[in-house]
Amino acid sequence: MTQHPRKVVLLDLDGTLTESAPGILASVKKTFQAIDMPVPDDHELQQFIGPAIIESLQRNHVPEDKLQLAVDTYRSYYSDVDAFDDPQEPGAKVPGKFVNVIYPGIIDQLRQLRAAGYYLAIATCKPEYQAAPICDHFHLNEEVDGLYGASRDMTRLNKDQVIRYAFDAIGFDESQGDIAIMVGDRWTDVDGAKAVGIASIGCNWGYANPGELKEHGVTTTIDAVRDLTDAVNDLFAQLESDKPAVQSQQTVK
C-alpha cells in the first residue's frame, strides 16, 4: 500500500540534471537543414531547450506542411542516428541524446534527497521514450523513484500535463497529506508547477534567460548544484508550516 503523507520532488531533466544543450542544438540544426529553412540564431536556438520540440518549431515559423517532417527529423537525429561526436569516446559517433553530461554534484544531491526520505521523480517535457535511455545511460534511473515524460503522440505535451501524469502514476493524494515541489530551470517548469498548484525551485545553472524564472513567478531559486538539498529541505519546511493556507490554494486535476 502507498504510504502517506509523502514529500515528492519532481525534477526536470535538461538543464537541471544534465547539460544537454550540445546534442539538442546539433539535432535542431540538422532538422532545419533537412527541411531547407535557415537555422535560427544562437539566442533562438537556446530557446529550444525546455519546451516541446513542436512548440519551438512552430515558434520559428515552420509551416504546417513541413511540421511533421521536422518533428520526425529532429527525433531521428536526437534518438537514433549516430551523427555526432561522442564527448566520452573520441572517434565514436552517437545520436544527439548522448551528446550530454550530468552536472557535477547532481548524483550526490539526489542521494542526499533520497536518504532524507523524499520521493524523487523526473518530470520532463522530453518524450518518455527519449528520456528513458538517457537516464539509463547516465544511471540516473538508479537515483530516482520514477521517470515521467511527454507522450510520443504529443497528446501529453506540456509540463503541467506531465506533472499530472506523474501524480496519477504514483498515487499522489493531497488529501492524505502529500506535498510536492517542482525543480527545474525554465519557465515551462515554473508555469507547470503553478498550473497544478505546487511550489517550484528554479536552477540558475540551467538554460533560462536572465530574469525568466522570476518573471514567471518561481517560488525560489538557487545558484549552484550543491544548494539543492538545502533548498528542498527549506521549501518543504515552509510549505508544512503554511500547510492549511497552501492546501486551500492547491487543486491538482
Protein backbone atom coordinates (compact mmCIF):
# COMPACT_ATOMS: atom_id res chain seq x y z
CA MET A 1 0.00 0.00 0.00
CA THR A 2 1.09 3.57 -0.69
CA GLN A 3 2.33 5.34 2.41
CA HIS A 4 1.08 8.83 3.14
CA PRO A 5 1.99 11.56 3.70
CA ARG A 6 4.79 11.77 1.14
CA LYS A 7 7.10 14.55 0.08
CA VAL A 8 7.55 14.39 -3.68
CA VAL A 9 10.39 16.15 -5.51
CA LEU A 10 9.78 16.43 -9.25
CA LEU A 11 12.95 17.06 -11.24
CA ASP A 12 13.31 18.40 -14.74
CA LEU A 13 15.94 16.66 -16.89
CA ASP A 14 17.51 19.03 -19.47
CA GLY A 15 19.30 21.94 -17.83
CA THR A 16 18.55 20.65 -14.34
CA LEU A 17 20.14 17.21 -14.10
CA THR A 18 22.02 17.13 -17.40
CA GLU A 19 23.82 19.66 -19.55
CA SER A 20 22.11 18.58 -22.74
CA ALA A 21 22.32 21.66 -24.96
CA PRO A 22 25.02 20.42 -27.38
CA GLY A 23 23.04 17.37 -28.50
CA ILE A 24 19.70 19.18 -28.67
CA LEU A 25 21.07 22.10 -30.66
CA ALA A 26 23.03 19.89 -33.05
CA SER A 27 19.83 17.95 -33.77
CA VAL A 28 17.86 21.17 -34.28
CA LYS A 29 20.43 22.45 -36.79
CA LYS A 30 20.24 19.19 -38.75
CA THR A 31 16.45 19.50 -38.74
CA PHE A 32 16.37 22.98 -40.25
CA GLN A 33 18.91 21.97 -42.88
CA ALA A 34 16.78 18.93 -43.78
CA ILE A 35 13.61 20.99 -44.28
CA ASP A 36 15.54 23.66 -46.22
CA MET A 37 14.97 26.52 -43.77
CA PRO A 38 17.53 28.90 -42.24
CA VAL A 39 18.98 27.71 -38.93
CA PRO A 40 17.83 30.07 -36.13
CA ASP A 41 20.38 32.34 -34.48
CA ASP A 42 22.16 31.34 -31.27
CA HIS A 43 19.69 33.09 -28.97
CA GLU A 44 16.69 31.43 -30.58
CA LEU A 45 18.41 28.05 -30.65
CA GLN A 46 18.81 28.28 -26.89
CA GLN A 47 15.02 28.58 -26.54
CA PHE A 48 14.62 25.05 -27.90
CA ILE A 49 15.79 23.67 -24.56
CA GLY A 50 12.80 23.10 -22.31
CA PRO A 51 9.59 23.32 -24.39
CA ALA A 52 8.27 20.51 -26.55
CA ILE A 53 10.00 20.40 -29.94
CA ILE A 54 6.79 21.04 -31.88
CA GLU A 55 6.18 24.27 -29.93
CA SER A 56 9.69 25.52 -30.71
CA LEU A 57 9.35 24.65 -34.38
CA GLN A 58 6.02 26.48 -34.57
CA ARG A 59 7.54 29.48 -32.80
CA ASN A 60 10.18 29.56 -35.55
CA HIS A 61 7.53 29.61 -38.28
CA VAL A 62 7.99 26.11 -39.64
CA PRO A 63 4.98 25.83 -41.97
CA GLU A 64 2.25 23.34 -41.24
CA ASP A 65 3.08 21.22 -44.29
CA LYS A 66 6.66 20.73 -43.02
CA LEU A 67 5.92 20.45 -39.32
CA GLN A 68 5.58 16.66 -39.00
CA LEU A 69 8.66 16.11 -41.16
CA ALA A 70 10.59 18.50 -38.91
CA VAL A 71 9.45 16.70 -35.75
CA ASP A 72 10.33 13.31 -37.22
CA THR A 73 13.73 14.56 -38.43
CA TYR A 74 14.59 16.04 -35.06
CA ARG A 75 13.57 12.86 -33.25
CA SER A 76 15.62 10.75 -35.64
CA TYR A 77 18.83 12.76 -35.18
CA TYR A 78 18.27 13.09 -31.45
CA SER A 79 17.31 9.49 -30.72
CA ASP A 80 18.54 7.17 -33.47
CA VAL A 81 21.14 8.47 -35.95
CA ASP A 82 24.80 8.24 -34.90
CA ALA A 83 25.64 11.61 -36.42
CA PHE A 84 27.58 13.44 -33.71
CA ASP A 85 30.95 13.08 -31.97
CA ASP A 86 30.74 11.21 -28.67
CA PRO A 87 32.05 13.53 -25.91
CA GLN A 88 33.10 10.49 -23.85
CA GLU A 89 34.73 8.39 -26.58
CA PRO A 90 36.81 10.26 -29.19
CA GLY A 91 36.24 8.98 -32.70
CA ALA A 92 32.88 7.38 -31.94
CA LYS A 93 29.55 8.70 -33.19
CA VAL A 94 26.32 8.87 -31.18
CA PRO A 95 22.81 10.33 -31.55
CA GLY A 96 22.15 13.75 -30.05
CA LYS A 97 20.74 12.39 -26.81
CA PHE A 98 24.20 11.21 -25.75
CA VAL A 99 25.98 14.48 -26.57
CA ASN A 100 25.24 15.28 -22.98
CA VAL A 101 26.75 15.19 -19.47
CA ILE A 102 25.42 15.15 -15.91
CA TYR A 103 26.07 18.34 -13.99
CA PRO A 104 28.84 17.74 -11.44
CA GLY A 105 27.42 17.04 -7.99
CA ILE A 106 23.91 16.07 -9.12
CA ILE A 107 24.25 12.39 -8.20
CA ASP A 108 25.40 13.27 -4.69
CA GLN A 109 22.45 15.64 -4.27
CA LEU A 110 19.95 13.02 -5.45
CA ARG A 111 21.39 10.53 -3.00
CA GLN A 112 21.12 13.02 -0.15
CA LEU A 113 17.49 13.75 -1.02
CA ARG A 114 16.52 10.08 -1.15
CA ALA A 115 18.35 9.42 2.10
CA ALA A 116 16.24 12.18 3.65
CA GLY A 117 13.09 10.28 2.66
CA TYR A 118 11.90 12.25 -0.37
CA TYR A 119 10.21 10.53 -3.31
CA LEU A 120 12.17 11.61 -6.40
CA ALA A 121 10.64 11.59 -9.88
CA ILE A 122 11.97 13.00 -13.12
CA ALA A 123 9.25 15.02 -14.88
CA THR A 124 10.32 16.15 -18.34
CA CYS A 125 8.68 17.52 -21.48
CA LYS A 126 11.04 15.30 -23.43
CA PRO A 127 9.11 12.28 -24.75
CA GLU A 128 9.45 9.44 -22.28
CA TYR A 129 10.90 7.08 -24.89
CA GLN A 130 13.75 9.59 -25.40
CA ALA A 131 14.29 10.31 -21.71
CA ALA A 132 14.47 6.66 -20.59
CA PRO A 133 17.67 5.70 -22.47
CA ILE A 134 19.35 8.91 -21.33
CA CYS A 135 18.57 8.09 -17.71
CA ASP A 136 19.78 4.53 -18.26
CA HIS A 137 22.98 5.72 -19.96
CA PHE A 138 23.88 8.06 -17.10
CA HIS A 139 22.47 5.75 -14.38
CA LEU A 140 20.02 8.42 -13.27
CA ASN A 141 17.29 5.78 -13.11
CA GLU A 142 19.19 4.24 -10.18
CA GLU A 143 18.98 7.50 -8.23
CA VAL A 144 15.27 8.31 -8.60
CA ASP A 145 11.98 6.54 -7.93
CA GLY A 146 10.25 7.25 -11.21
CA LEU A 147 10.52 8.79 -14.68
CA TYR A 148 7.61 10.59 -16.37
CA GLY A 149 7.74 12.36 -19.71
CA ALA A 150 5.72 13.59 -22.63
CA SER A 151 4.00 11.09 -24.92
CA ARG A 152 5.28 10.15 -28.37
CA ASP A 153 1.95 11.16 -29.96
CA MET A 154 2.11 14.63 -28.34
CA THR A 155 -1.22 14.28 -26.52
CA ARG A 156 0.77 14.77 -23.29
CA LEU A 157 3.00 17.69 -24.15
CA ASN A 158 3.23 20.46 -21.54
CA LYS A 159 4.83 20.32 -18.11
CA ASP A 160 1.54 20.55 -16.22
CA GLN A 161 0.28 17.53 -18.20
CA VAL A 162 3.45 15.62 -17.35
CA ILE A 163 3.13 16.52 -13.66
CA ARG A 164 -0.49 15.33 -13.55
CA TYR A 165 0.55 12.13 -15.33
CA ALA A 166 3.26 11.59 -12.70
CA PHE A 167 0.82 12.27 -9.87
CA ASP A 168 -1.68 9.78 -11.27
CA ALA A 169 1.02 7.15 -11.66
CA ILE A 170 2.41 7.47 -8.13
CA GLY A 171 -0.95 7.89 -6.41
CA PHE A 172 -0.24 11.42 -5.21
CA ASP A 173 -3.01 12.37 -2.80
CA GLU A 174 -3.02 15.83 -1.31
CA SER A 175 -5.96 14.91 0.93
CA GLN A 176 -3.68 12.36 2.60
CA GLY A 177 -1.02 14.98 3.31
CA ASP A 178 1.17 14.52 0.23
CA ILE A 179 3.17 17.59 -0.80
CA ALA A 180 5.16 18.13 -3.99
CA ILE A 181 7.56 20.66 -5.47
CA MET A 182 8.96 21.09 -8.98
CA VAL A 183 12.69 21.64 -9.56
CA GLY A 184 13.63 22.98 -12.98
CA ASP A 185 15.50 25.58 -14.97
CA ARG A 186 12.98 27.06 -17.43
CA TRP A 187 9.68 28.94 -17.47
CA THR A 188 7.98 25.72 -18.53
CA ASP A 189 8.80 24.19 -15.15
CA VAL A 190 7.54 27.21 -13.22
CA ASP A 191 4.34 27.52 -15.25
CA GLY A 192 3.70 23.78 -14.98
CA ALA A 193 4.09 23.90 -11.21
CA LYS A 194 1.79 26.90 -10.91
CA ALA A 195 -0.84 25.23 -13.11
CA VAL A 196 -1.14 22.31 -10.69
CA GLY A 197 -0.76 24.45 -7.57
CA ILE A 198 2.66 23.41 -6.31
CA ALA A 199 5.79 25.37 -5.41
CA SER A 200 8.95 25.48 -7.54
CA ILE A 201 12.71 25.77 -7.23
CA GLY A 202 14.49 27.40 -10.16
CA CYS A 203 18.02 26.23 -11.04
CA ASN A 204 20.15 29.14 -12.22
CA TRP A 205 22.79 26.85 -13.71
CA GLY A 206 20.39 25.84 -16.48
CA TYR A 207 19.14 27.44 -19.67
CA ALA A 208 16.75 30.18 -18.55
CA ASN A 209 17.09 33.67 -19.98
CA PRO A 210 18.04 36.41 -17.48
CA GLY A 211 15.03 37.17 -15.26
CA GLU A 212 12.89 34.44 -16.85
CA LEU A 213 12.23 32.39 -13.73
CA LYS A 214 11.27 35.34 -11.55
CA GLU A 215 9.07 36.80 -14.28
CA HIS A 216 7.09 33.55 -14.30
CA GLY A 217 6.69 33.51 -10.52
CA VAL A 218 9.18 30.89 -9.35
CA THR A 219 8.94 30.26 -5.59
CA THR A 220 12.70 30.37 -5.01
CA THR A 221 15.93 29.99 -6.98
CA ILE A 222 19.35 28.51 -6.33
CA ASP A 223 22.68 29.23 -7.99
CA ALA A 224 24.66 26.02 -7.50
CA VAL A 225 24.00 22.28 -7.58
CA ARG A 226 25.36 21.96 -4.04
CA ASP A 227 22.46 24.13 -2.80
CA LEU A 228 19.73 21.75 -3.98
CA THR A 229 19.22 19.58 -0.90
CA ASP A 230 19.18 22.54 1.48
CA ALA A 231 16.73 24.40 -0.78
CA VAL A 232 14.39 21.39 -0.91
CA ASN A 233 14.53 20.98 2.86
CA ASP A 234 13.85 24.69 3.42
CA LEU A 235 10.96 24.84 0.97
CA PHE A 236 9.22 21.77 2.39
CA ALA A 237 9.63 23.17 5.89
CA GLN A 238 7.98 26.39 4.72
CA LEU A 239 5.17 24.52 2.96
CA GLU A 240 4.49 22.40 6.03
CA SER A 241 4.36 25.43 8.30
CA ASP A 242 1.92 27.10 5.90
CA LYS A 243 0.08 23.87 5.05
CA PRO A 244 -3.53 24.93 5.70
CA ALA A 245 -3.07 28.02 3.51
CA VAL A 246 -1.20 26.14 0.81
CA GLN A 247 -3.66 23.26 0.67
CA SER A 248 -6.57 25.63 0.20
CA GLN A 249 -4.86 27.01 -2.90
CA GLN A 250 -3.73 23.73 -4.47
CA THR A 251 -6.00 21.95 -6.91
CA VAL A 252 -4.45 19.03 -8.75
CA LYS A 253 -6.76 17.90 -11.52
